[in-house]
N, C-alpha and C. Protein backbone atom coordinates (compact mmCIF):
# COMPACT_ATOMS: atom_id res chain seq x y z
N MET A 1 51.64 95.59 87.50
CA MET A 1 52.28 95.99 86.50
C MET A 1 54.14 94.91 87.01
N ARG A 2 55.16 94.91 86.34
CA ARG A 2 56.20 94.13 86.05
C ARG A 2 57.46 95.40 87.56
N ARG A 3 57.65 94.60 88.24
CA ARG A 3 58.53 95.57 88.72
C ARG A 3 59.79 95.85 88.07
N GLY A 4 60.77 96.86 88.29
CA GLY A 4 61.98 97.41 87.76
C GLY A 4 62.81 96.41 88.23
N VAL A 5 64.56 96.53 87.60
CA VAL A 5 65.22 95.63 88.08
C VAL A 5 66.23 96.64 88.72
N PHE A 6 67.42 96.10 89.87
CA PHE A 6 67.91 96.83 90.89
C PHE A 6 69.09 96.27 90.22
N PHE A 7 70.10 97.19 89.42
CA PHE A 7 71.66 96.72 88.87
C PHE A 7 72.34 97.07 89.58
N LEU A 8 73.39 96.54 90.37
CA LEU A 8 74.45 97.05 91.41
C LEU A 8 75.63 96.49 89.77
N VAL A 9 76.01 98.04 89.54
CA VAL A 9 77.97 97.69 88.87
C VAL A 9 78.84 98.22 89.56
N ALA A 10 79.83 97.62 89.89
CA ALA A 10 81.20 97.39 90.89
C ALA A 10 82.08 97.49 89.46
N GLY A 11 83.61 97.89 90.60
CA GLY A 11 84.71 97.49 89.47
C GLY A 11 85.47 98.47 90.08
N PRO A 12 86.98 97.88 89.36
CA PRO A 12 87.60 98.74 90.52
C PRO A 12 87.73 100.49 89.95
N ALA A 13 88.72 101.36 90.35
CA ALA A 13 88.78 102.84 90.16
C ALA A 13 89.56 102.44 88.69
N GLY A 14 88.77 103.65 87.55
CA GLY A 14 89.88 103.61 86.37
C GLY A 14 89.59 102.35 85.02
N VAL A 15 88.66 101.94 85.69
CA VAL A 15 87.82 100.76 84.64
C VAL A 15 86.70 101.56 83.66
N GLY A 16 86.07 102.48 83.77
CA GLY A 16 85.25 103.21 82.85
C GLY A 16 84.28 102.76 83.12
N LYS A 17 83.26 102.32 84.50
CA LYS A 17 81.83 102.29 84.88
C LYS A 17 81.40 103.42 84.95
N THR A 18 81.84 104.70 85.40
CA THR A 18 81.25 106.32 84.48
C THR A 18 80.94 105.94 83.51
N THR A 19 81.95 106.10 82.72
CA THR A 19 81.88 106.37 81.38
C THR A 19 80.74 105.37 80.80
N LEU A 20 80.77 103.55 81.27
CA LEU A 20 79.41 103.30 80.76
C LEU A 20 77.79 103.23 81.33
N LEU A 21 78.12 103.88 82.27
CA LEU A 21 76.75 104.07 82.69
C LEU A 21 75.96 105.23 82.15
N LYS A 22 77.03 106.53 82.38
CA LYS A 22 76.45 107.38 81.27
C LYS A 22 75.91 107.10 80.18
N ARG A 23 76.38 106.20 79.36
CA ARG A 23 76.18 106.05 77.79
C ARG A 23 74.53 105.26 77.87
N LEU A 24 75.01 104.33 78.91
CA LEU A 24 73.79 103.82 78.89
C LEU A 24 72.52 104.32 79.68
N LEU A 25 72.33 105.54 80.49
CA LEU A 25 71.03 106.39 80.84
C LEU A 25 71.11 107.00 80.01
N ALA A 26 71.68 107.43 79.01
CA ALA A 26 71.44 108.55 78.00
C ALA A 26 71.01 107.55 76.69
N GLU A 27 71.03 106.17 76.77
CA GLU A 27 70.14 105.51 75.63
C GLU A 27 69.34 104.75 75.69
N GLU A 28 68.93 104.28 77.22
CA GLU A 28 67.68 103.48 77.65
C GLU A 28 67.18 103.61 78.29
N LYS A 29 65.48 103.47 78.08
CA LYS A 29 64.73 103.83 78.13
C LYS A 29 64.19 103.30 79.82
N GLY A 30 63.28 103.86 80.49
CA GLY A 30 63.05 103.41 81.80
C GLY A 30 63.96 102.58 82.64
N VAL A 31 65.31 103.54 82.94
CA VAL A 31 66.06 103.07 83.94
C VAL A 31 66.84 104.60 84.37
N ILE A 32 67.00 104.49 85.42
CA ILE A 32 67.61 105.44 85.89
C ILE A 32 68.51 105.07 87.09
N LYS A 33 69.44 106.30 87.45
CA LYS A 33 70.26 106.37 88.23
C LYS A 33 69.99 106.56 89.59
N ALA A 34 70.38 105.39 90.52
CA ALA A 34 70.24 105.68 92.06
C ALA A 34 70.69 106.81 92.84
N VAL A 35 70.20 107.33 93.03
CA VAL A 35 70.86 108.95 93.95
C VAL A 35 70.95 108.81 95.71
N SER A 36 71.82 108.85 95.61
CA SER A 36 72.75 108.50 97.02
C SER A 36 72.51 109.91 98.19
N VAL A 37 72.62 109.81 99.54
CA VAL A 37 72.93 110.73 100.23
C VAL A 37 74.32 111.05 100.71
N THR A 38 74.57 112.19 100.85
CA THR A 38 75.90 112.44 101.73
C THR A 38 75.86 113.93 102.45
N THR A 39 76.69 113.75 103.25
CA THR A 39 76.41 114.60 104.16
C THR A 39 77.50 116.13 103.55
N ARG A 40 78.54 115.79 102.88
CA ARG A 40 79.00 116.77 102.48
C ARG A 40 78.29 117.65 101.85
N LYS A 41 79.10 119.21 101.23
CA LYS A 41 78.81 119.42 100.86
C LYS A 41 78.61 119.84 99.33
N PRO A 42 77.62 120.23 98.53
CA PRO A 42 77.03 120.31 97.33
C PRO A 42 78.59 120.91 96.30
N ARG A 43 79.68 120.26 95.44
CA ARG A 43 80.49 120.80 94.55
C ARG A 43 79.67 121.61 93.81
N PRO A 44 80.30 122.67 92.99
CA PRO A 44 79.67 123.62 92.05
C PRO A 44 79.49 122.64 90.76
N GLY A 45 77.97 123.15 90.61
CA GLY A 45 77.88 122.83 89.52
C GLY A 45 76.52 121.06 89.83
N GLU A 46 76.85 121.02 90.98
CA GLU A 46 75.91 119.39 91.63
C GLU A 46 74.69 120.00 91.82
N VAL A 47 73.77 119.53 91.13
CA VAL A 47 72.29 119.55 91.82
C VAL A 47 71.59 118.87 92.85
N GLU A 48 70.72 119.29 93.40
CA GLU A 48 70.48 118.31 94.78
C GLU A 48 69.43 117.33 94.36
N GLY A 49 69.49 116.26 94.27
CA GLY A 49 68.28 115.14 93.78
C GLY A 49 68.94 114.59 92.90
N VAL A 50 69.87 115.07 91.98
CA VAL A 50 70.47 114.68 90.42
C VAL A 50 71.47 113.81 91.04
N ALA A 51 72.88 114.59 91.80
CA ALA A 51 74.26 114.25 92.06
C ALA A 51 73.65 113.59 92.98
N TYR A 52 73.61 113.97 94.17
CA TYR A 52 72.79 113.75 95.53
C TYR A 52 71.83 114.34 96.41
N TYR A 53 71.69 113.76 97.25
CA TYR A 53 70.63 114.40 98.40
C TYR A 53 71.54 115.01 99.18
N PHE A 54 71.64 116.52 99.78
CA PHE A 54 72.45 116.72 100.42
C PHE A 54 72.15 116.93 101.88
N TRP A 55 72.40 116.00 102.72
CA TRP A 55 71.89 116.14 104.25
C TRP A 55 72.97 116.58 105.12
N ASP A 56 72.90 117.04 106.33
CA ASP A 56 73.37 117.42 107.47
C ASP A 56 73.53 116.28 108.41
N THR A 57 74.76 116.05 109.13
CA THR A 57 74.84 114.81 110.01
C THR A 57 73.95 113.82 110.71
N GLU A 58 73.16 115.34 111.25
CA GLU A 58 72.49 114.79 112.70
C GLU A 58 70.91 114.61 111.56
N ARG A 59 70.72 114.65 110.47
CA ARG A 59 69.48 114.13 109.43
C ARG A 59 70.01 112.38 109.30
N PHE A 60 70.95 112.42 108.48
CA PHE A 60 71.82 111.37 108.21
C PHE A 60 71.71 110.54 109.49
N THR A 61 72.39 110.27 110.60
CA THR A 61 72.63 109.53 111.43
C THR A 61 71.04 109.12 112.32
N ASN A 62 70.46 109.80 111.96
CA ASN A 62 68.68 109.61 112.27
C ASN A 62 68.26 108.83 111.46
N ALA A 63 68.75 108.78 109.95
CA ALA A 63 68.22 107.69 109.08
C ALA A 63 68.59 106.51 109.37
N VAL A 64 70.22 106.11 109.43
CA VAL A 64 70.88 105.32 109.76
C VAL A 64 70.04 104.38 110.96
N GLU A 65 69.82 105.07 112.39
CA GLU A 65 68.80 104.80 113.42
C GLU A 65 67.56 103.99 113.02
N ARG A 66 66.50 104.60 111.89
CA ARG A 66 65.75 104.20 111.69
C ARG A 66 65.66 103.12 110.83
N ASN A 67 67.00 102.56 110.19
CA ASN A 67 66.75 101.50 109.27
C ASN A 67 66.72 102.11 108.12
N GLU A 68 67.03 103.17 107.21
CA GLU A 68 66.48 103.72 105.87
C GLU A 68 67.47 103.90 104.85
N PHE A 69 68.98 102.82 105.20
CA PHE A 69 69.39 103.23 103.90
C PHE A 69 69.77 101.56 103.85
N LEU A 70 69.91 101.23 102.59
CA LEU A 70 70.53 99.72 101.91
C LEU A 70 71.66 99.75 102.52
N GLU A 71 72.43 100.43 101.95
CA GLU A 71 73.88 100.72 102.73
C GLU A 71 74.59 101.71 102.74
N HIS A 72 75.56 101.93 104.11
CA HIS A 72 76.23 103.38 104.20
C HIS A 72 77.42 103.21 104.77
N ALA A 73 77.85 104.42 104.77
CA ALA A 73 80.06 104.36 104.98
C ALA A 73 79.81 105.23 105.21
N VAL A 74 81.14 105.58 105.77
CA VAL A 74 81.95 106.92 105.86
C VAL A 74 83.94 106.60 104.60
N VAL A 75 83.28 108.30 103.83
CA VAL A 75 84.08 107.94 103.02
C VAL A 75 85.10 109.59 103.32
N HIS A 76 86.17 109.52 103.41
CA HIS A 76 86.92 110.74 103.49
C HIS A 76 86.42 111.65 104.08
N GLU A 77 85.88 111.04 105.60
CA GLU A 77 84.93 112.14 106.82
C GLU A 77 83.68 111.99 106.36
N HIS A 78 83.47 111.84 105.58
CA HIS A 78 81.76 112.28 104.88
C HIS A 78 80.82 111.14 104.84
N HIS A 79 79.54 111.01 105.31
CA HIS A 79 78.71 109.95 105.26
C HIS A 79 78.41 109.97 103.95
N TYR A 80 77.59 108.43 103.32
CA TYR A 80 76.81 108.65 102.05
C TYR A 80 76.26 107.44 102.19
N GLY A 81 75.17 107.44 101.65
CA GLY A 81 74.45 106.18 102.12
C GLY A 81 73.08 105.87 100.87
N THR A 82 72.63 104.89 100.62
CA THR A 82 71.53 104.81 99.67
C THR A 82 70.31 103.94 99.95
N PRO A 83 69.41 105.33 100.68
CA PRO A 83 67.53 105.56 100.62
C PRO A 83 66.89 104.79 99.94
N LYS A 84 66.37 103.31 100.86
CA LYS A 84 65.77 102.14 100.84
C LYS A 84 64.41 102.71 99.95
N GLY A 85 63.85 104.04 100.62
CA GLY A 85 62.76 104.23 99.73
C GLY A 85 63.20 105.26 98.75
N PHE A 86 63.58 106.04 98.16
CA PHE A 86 64.26 105.95 96.61
C PHE A 86 64.05 104.69 95.16
N ILE A 87 64.81 103.74 96.12
CA ILE A 87 64.76 102.58 94.95
C ILE A 87 63.69 101.63 95.25
N GLU A 88 63.08 101.49 96.35
CA GLU A 88 61.62 100.73 96.41
C GLU A 88 60.43 101.55 95.75
N GLU A 89 60.48 102.62 95.77
CA GLU A 89 59.36 103.94 94.84
C GLU A 89 59.63 103.51 93.36
N ARG A 90 60.99 103.49 92.73
CA ARG A 90 60.86 103.10 91.57
C ARG A 90 60.65 101.71 91.21
N LEU A 91 61.53 100.77 91.34
CA LEU A 91 61.47 99.00 91.42
C LEU A 91 59.69 99.45 91.54
N ALA A 92 58.88 99.55 92.14
CA ALA A 92 57.38 99.69 92.19
C ALA A 92 56.84 99.65 91.07
N ARG A 93 57.08 101.12 90.35
CA ARG A 93 56.89 101.44 89.30
C ARG A 93 56.66 101.11 88.39
N GLY A 94 58.05 99.80 88.38
CA GLY A 94 58.56 99.54 87.24
C GLY A 94 59.97 99.93 86.32
N VAL A 95 60.48 100.66 87.11
CA VAL A 95 61.46 101.70 86.60
C VAL A 95 62.50 101.32 86.98
N ASP A 96 63.61 100.78 86.51
CA ASP A 96 64.78 99.69 86.56
C ASP A 96 66.04 101.00 87.46
N VAL A 97 66.35 100.95 88.15
CA VAL A 97 67.17 101.36 88.94
C VAL A 97 68.77 100.70 88.96
N ILE A 98 69.84 101.93 88.41
CA ILE A 98 71.50 101.36 87.99
C ILE A 98 71.97 102.09 89.54
N LYS A 99 73.16 101.38 90.39
CA LYS A 99 74.11 101.89 91.16
C LYS A 99 75.14 101.79 90.85
N ASP A 100 75.93 102.68 90.82
CA ASP A 100 77.88 102.54 91.27
C ASP A 100 77.78 102.39 92.42
N ILE A 101 78.64 101.09 92.39
CA ILE A 101 78.82 101.12 93.89
C ILE A 101 80.27 100.17 94.23
N ASP A 102 80.35 100.43 95.32
CA ASP A 102 81.83 99.52 95.68
C ASP A 102 81.26 98.23 95.95
N VAL A 103 82.64 97.65 96.36
CA VAL A 103 82.52 96.40 96.59
C VAL A 103 81.94 96.11 98.37
N GLN A 104 82.48 96.99 99.18
CA GLN A 104 81.82 97.00 100.14
C GLN A 104 80.22 96.66 100.53
N GLY A 105 79.80 97.99 99.74
CA GLY A 105 78.23 98.39 99.47
C GLY A 105 77.41 97.40 98.75
N PHE A 106 78.15 96.91 98.18
CA PHE A 106 77.83 95.25 97.01
C PHE A 106 77.38 93.88 98.36
N ALA A 107 77.90 94.19 98.82
CA ALA A 107 78.33 93.12 100.10
C ALA A 107 77.20 93.17 100.63
N GLN A 108 77.03 94.51 101.43
CA GLN A 108 76.13 95.10 102.37
C GLN A 108 74.79 95.21 101.94
N ILE A 109 74.33 94.97 100.61
CA ILE A 109 73.45 95.04 99.96
C ILE A 109 72.65 93.38 99.90
N ARG A 110 73.88 92.90 99.20
CA ARG A 110 73.31 91.21 98.97
C ARG A 110 73.03 90.50 100.43
N GLN A 111 73.51 90.91 101.59
CA GLN A 111 73.91 90.49 102.70
C GLN A 111 72.03 90.43 103.24
N MET A 112 71.76 92.06 103.08
CA MET A 112 70.39 92.16 103.18
C MET A 112 69.12 91.68 102.26
N GLU A 113 69.78 91.18 101.08
CA GLU A 113 68.59 90.35 99.97
C GLU A 113 67.92 89.30 100.94
N GLN A 114 69.15 88.53 101.60
CA GLN A 114 68.57 87.31 102.84
C GLN A 114 67.73 87.15 103.22
N TYR A 115 67.60 88.97 103.93
CA TYR A 115 66.31 88.84 105.41
C TYR A 115 65.06 89.35 104.43
N ARG A 116 65.27 90.44 103.94
CA ARG A 116 64.15 91.59 103.80
C ARG A 116 63.97 92.35 102.55
N TYR A 117 65.13 92.42 101.55
CA TYR A 117 65.19 93.37 100.51
C TYR A 117 64.90 92.21 98.85
N PRO A 118 64.16 93.22 97.87
CA PRO A 118 64.54 92.24 96.48
C PRO A 118 65.58 92.12 95.99
N ARG A 119 65.78 91.24 95.25
CA ARG A 119 66.84 91.06 94.95
C ARG A 119 67.67 92.09 93.83
N SER A 120 69.28 92.03 93.43
CA SER A 120 69.14 92.65 92.57
C SER A 120 70.15 91.91 91.61
N VAL A 121 70.95 92.77 90.74
CA VAL A 121 71.58 91.95 89.95
C VAL A 121 72.98 92.40 89.59
N GLY A 122 74.15 91.85 90.12
CA GLY A 122 75.55 92.63 90.38
C GLY A 122 76.27 92.26 88.91
N ILE A 123 77.05 93.13 88.57
CA ILE A 123 77.68 93.44 87.20
C ILE A 123 79.03 93.84 88.09
N PHE A 124 80.14 93.00 87.51
CA PHE A 124 81.24 93.41 87.71
C PHE A 124 81.68 94.04 86.93
N VAL A 125 82.40 95.14 86.34
CA VAL A 125 83.47 95.94 84.85
C VAL A 125 84.79 95.76 85.50
N MET A 126 85.22 94.55 84.69
CA MET A 126 86.49 94.54 84.43
C MET A 126 87.47 95.15 83.48
N PRO A 127 89.30 95.48 83.66
CA PRO A 127 89.71 96.03 82.98
C PRO A 127 90.00 94.88 81.12
N PRO A 128 90.49 94.99 80.70
CA PRO A 128 90.78 93.95 79.50
C PRO A 128 92.41 93.22 80.46
N SER A 129 93.11 93.65 80.94
CA SER A 129 93.95 92.92 81.73
C SER A 129 94.23 94.15 82.98
N PRO A 130 95.33 93.62 84.22
CA PRO A 130 95.61 94.50 85.21
C PRO A 130 97.06 95.01 84.63
N GLU A 131 97.25 95.01 83.37
CA GLU A 131 98.27 96.20 82.84
C GLU A 131 97.62 96.99 82.28
N ALA A 132 96.43 96.62 81.62
CA ALA A 132 95.81 98.01 80.98
C ALA A 132 95.39 98.92 82.17
N LEU A 133 94.73 98.39 83.58
CA LEU A 133 93.88 99.46 84.18
C LEU A 133 95.20 99.79 84.85
N ILE A 134 96.48 99.41 84.93
CA ILE A 134 97.49 100.14 85.38
C ILE A 134 98.04 101.78 85.21
N GLU A 135 97.80 101.29 83.55
CA GLU A 135 98.19 102.35 82.34
C GLU A 135 96.89 103.36 82.42
N ARG A 136 95.90 102.45 82.73
CA ARG A 136 94.54 103.88 82.70
C ARG A 136 94.69 104.90 83.61
N LEU A 137 95.11 103.88 84.85
CA LEU A 137 95.15 104.97 86.22
C LEU A 137 96.18 105.96 85.95
N LYS A 138 97.52 105.26 85.19
CA LYS A 138 98.52 106.73 85.40
C LYS A 138 98.36 107.00 83.83
N GLY A 139 97.13 107.36 83.32
CA GLY A 139 96.78 108.06 82.33
C GLY A 139 96.10 109.46 82.81
N ARG A 140 95.58 108.66 83.92
CA ARG A 140 94.54 109.83 84.33
C ARG A 140 95.25 111.32 84.67
N GLY A 141 96.44 111.09 85.14
CA GLY A 141 97.56 111.99 85.28
C GLY A 141 97.27 112.74 87.26
N SER A 142 96.27 112.38 87.30
CA SER A 142 95.68 112.67 88.48
C SER A 142 96.43 111.88 89.81
N GLU A 143 96.82 111.32 89.86
CA GLU A 143 97.59 110.12 91.02
C GLU A 143 98.91 110.56 91.68
N GLU A 144 99.24 110.84 92.96
CA GLU A 144 100.52 110.68 92.83
C GLU A 144 101.28 109.28 93.03
N ALA A 145 101.95 109.13 93.67
CA ALA A 145 103.27 107.73 93.32
C ALA A 145 102.25 106.74 94.50
N ASN A 146 102.25 107.15 95.98
CA ASN A 146 102.07 106.72 97.42
C ASN A 146 100.03 106.14 96.68
N SER A 147 99.38 107.25 96.06
CA SER A 147 98.04 106.77 96.13
C SER A 147 97.81 105.95 94.92
N LEU A 148 98.59 106.04 93.80
CA LEU A 148 98.81 104.91 92.86
C LEU A 148 98.92 103.73 93.16
N GLU A 149 99.72 103.25 93.89
CA GLU A 149 100.27 102.21 94.58
C GLU A 149 99.02 101.48 95.34
N VAL A 150 98.18 102.41 96.32
CA VAL A 150 96.98 102.15 97.00
C VAL A 150 96.10 101.61 95.86
N ARG A 151 95.77 102.72 94.90
CA ARG A 151 94.66 102.16 94.19
C ARG A 151 94.86 100.41 93.49
N ILE A 152 96.00 100.58 92.93
CA ILE A 152 96.51 99.16 92.16
C ILE A 152 96.05 98.21 93.18
N ARG A 153 96.74 98.37 94.55
CA ARG A 153 96.49 96.93 95.52
C ARG A 153 94.97 97.16 95.81
N ASN A 154 94.27 98.22 95.76
CA ASN A 154 92.74 97.86 96.45
C ASN A 154 92.13 97.23 94.67
N ALA A 155 92.51 97.61 93.76
CA ALA A 155 92.10 96.93 92.54
C ALA A 155 92.13 95.65 92.44
N GLU A 156 93.49 95.17 92.49
CA GLU A 156 93.71 93.60 92.69
C GLU A 156 92.45 92.70 93.65
N ALA A 157 92.45 94.01 95.17
CA ALA A 157 91.77 92.90 95.93
C ALA A 157 90.25 92.84 95.47
N GLU A 158 89.78 93.96 94.90
CA GLU A 158 88.47 94.28 94.05
C GLU A 158 88.17 92.94 93.07
N MET A 159 88.93 92.91 92.18
CA MET A 159 88.79 91.72 91.31
C MET A 159 88.87 90.35 91.32
N ALA A 160 89.30 90.13 92.77
CA ALA A 160 89.46 89.22 92.93
C ALA A 160 88.35 88.39 93.52
N ARG A 161 87.70 89.06 94.12
CA ARG A 161 85.69 89.33 94.78
C ARG A 161 85.09 89.02 93.55
N VAL A 162 85.47 89.36 91.71
CA VAL A 162 84.45 89.21 91.00
C VAL A 162 83.45 87.73 90.84
N ARG A 163 83.72 86.66 91.27
CA ARG A 163 82.95 85.69 91.35
C ARG A 163 81.44 86.04 92.38
N GLU A 164 81.54 87.12 93.20
CA GLU A 164 80.56 87.67 94.13
C GLU A 164 79.29 87.88 92.96
N TYR A 165 79.78 88.25 91.89
CA TYR A 165 78.42 88.87 90.86
C TYR A 165 77.90 87.95 90.15
N ASP A 166 76.68 88.54 89.84
CA ASP A 166 75.98 87.87 88.77
C ASP A 166 76.63 88.01 87.39
N TYR A 167 77.49 88.60 86.97
CA TYR A 167 77.38 89.09 85.36
C TYR A 167 79.09 89.75 85.42
N GLN A 168 79.87 89.35 84.37
CA GLN A 168 81.21 90.40 84.14
C GLN A 168 81.36 90.99 82.81
N VAL A 169 81.40 91.95 83.01
CA VAL A 169 81.53 92.69 81.59
C VAL A 169 83.59 93.25 81.74
N VAL A 170 83.84 92.89 80.36
CA VAL A 170 85.02 93.13 80.40
C VAL A 170 85.20 94.76 79.21
N ASN A 171 85.83 95.48 80.15
CA ASN A 171 85.61 97.06 79.69
C ASN A 171 86.87 97.21 78.82
N ASP A 172 86.94 96.51 77.46
CA ASP A 172 88.17 96.63 76.33
C ASP A 172 87.77 97.44 75.95
N ASP A 173 86.28 97.61 74.95
CA ASP A 173 85.96 98.68 73.77
C ASP A 173 84.69 98.79 74.87
N LEU A 174 84.71 100.51 74.34
CA LEU A 174 83.65 101.01 75.13
C LEU A 174 82.01 100.71 74.39
N ASP A 175 82.03 100.41 73.42
CA ASP A 175 80.66 100.03 72.84
C ASP A 175 80.45 98.84 72.47
N ARG A 176 81.52 97.67 72.76
CA ARG A 176 81.30 96.36 73.55
C ARG A 176 80.62 96.13 74.85
N GLY A 177 81.68 96.94 75.50
CA GLY A 177 80.67 97.11 77.09
C GLY A 177 78.84 97.70 77.30
N LEU A 178 78.99 98.75 76.50
CA LEU A 178 77.75 99.35 76.45
C LEU A 178 76.71 97.97 75.84
N PHE A 179 77.01 97.58 75.21
CA PHE A 179 76.44 96.85 74.26
C PHE A 179 76.14 95.23 75.27
N GLU A 180 76.83 94.95 76.05
CA GLU A 180 76.68 94.00 76.98
C GLU A 180 75.88 94.07 78.08
N LEU A 181 76.18 95.70 78.66
CA LEU A 181 75.27 96.45 79.77
C LEU A 181 73.92 96.23 79.31
N LYS A 182 73.68 96.60 78.25
CA LYS A 182 72.36 96.34 77.73
C LYS A 182 71.66 94.99 77.35
N ALA A 183 72.55 93.99 76.95
CA ALA A 183 71.97 92.74 76.70
C ALA A 183 71.70 92.41 78.17
N ILE A 184 72.64 92.59 79.47
CA ILE A 184 72.52 92.07 80.64
C ILE A 184 70.60 92.06 80.98
N ARG A 185 71.08 93.66 80.68
CA ARG A 185 69.44 94.27 81.37
C ARG A 185 68.42 93.64 80.38
N LEU A 186 68.07 93.50 79.19
CA LEU A 186 67.54 92.89 78.72
C LEU A 186 67.55 91.19 78.85
N ALA A 187 68.45 90.32 78.98
CA ALA A 187 68.18 88.85 79.66
C ALA A 187 67.72 89.18 81.20
N GLU A 188 67.71 89.98 81.81
CA GLU A 188 67.26 89.78 83.21
C GLU A 188 65.67 90.20 82.98
N HIS A 189 65.11 91.17 82.42
CA HIS A 189 63.92 91.55 81.84
C HIS A 189 62.94 90.16 81.29
N CYS A 190 63.77 89.40 80.30
CA CYS A 190 63.65 88.01 80.31
C CYS A 190 63.01 86.90 81.16
N ARG A 191 63.82 87.01 82.34
CA ARG A 191 63.89 85.84 83.17
C ARG A 191 62.98 85.21 83.74
N ILE A 192 62.95 84.52 83.53
CA ILE A 192 61.01 83.69 84.31
C ILE A 192 61.31 83.89 85.79
N ARG A 193 60.42 84.68 86.49
CA ARG A 193 60.58 84.06 87.87
C ARG A 193 59.27 84.76 88.61
N ASN A 194 58.54 84.80 89.72
CA ASN A 194 57.24 84.75 90.13
C ASN A 194 57.38 86.01 90.35
N SER A 195 58.26 87.05 91.15
CA SER A 195 58.30 87.98 91.64
C SER A 195 59.68 88.71 92.25
N GLN A 196 60.22 89.74 92.21
CA GLN A 196 61.48 90.12 93.16
C GLN A 196 61.53 90.27 94.44
N SER A 197 60.17 89.87 94.91
CA SER A 197 60.45 90.26 96.27
C SER A 197 60.65 89.07 97.65
């Protein structure tokens, strides 16, 4: 059986990654979203094993010590991590796994690949222009001035790292962006290689 492909999708806040991935998962067969672990409490409507796996801090820390995460970080005083077992089990069964990830997490996983983990496919979602991204962030109406400035600076730093990825998708038009994501997935399944190990 052919192994699944591990897709890592990054891009600045406000670029439309979440919307693109929701549509991809709804329309494509044989691909699932990677489910991360967090130590924060579930929000209303979040289901264990669907939104996240919700663990206490002790369990998370023990898993870090046993090297059970592909990558992990502390965000807003809560721990988040990508469990290796979840990813490996699905890939071994021939299922593609797609993960929405930040640039730091992407770099962590790519560093691990050099030593012991199967390859991933990095996709960076870009806005059509920096100005368009600023307008999208302002259009959310949920950002205070200081927070908006931080997000814009972070976005500029993230976009400067686009060459670290295998593919770039410019999300100017949602249908076009989705078409490009599907084309990347198809291309990876047509790639000639012995294995992903």
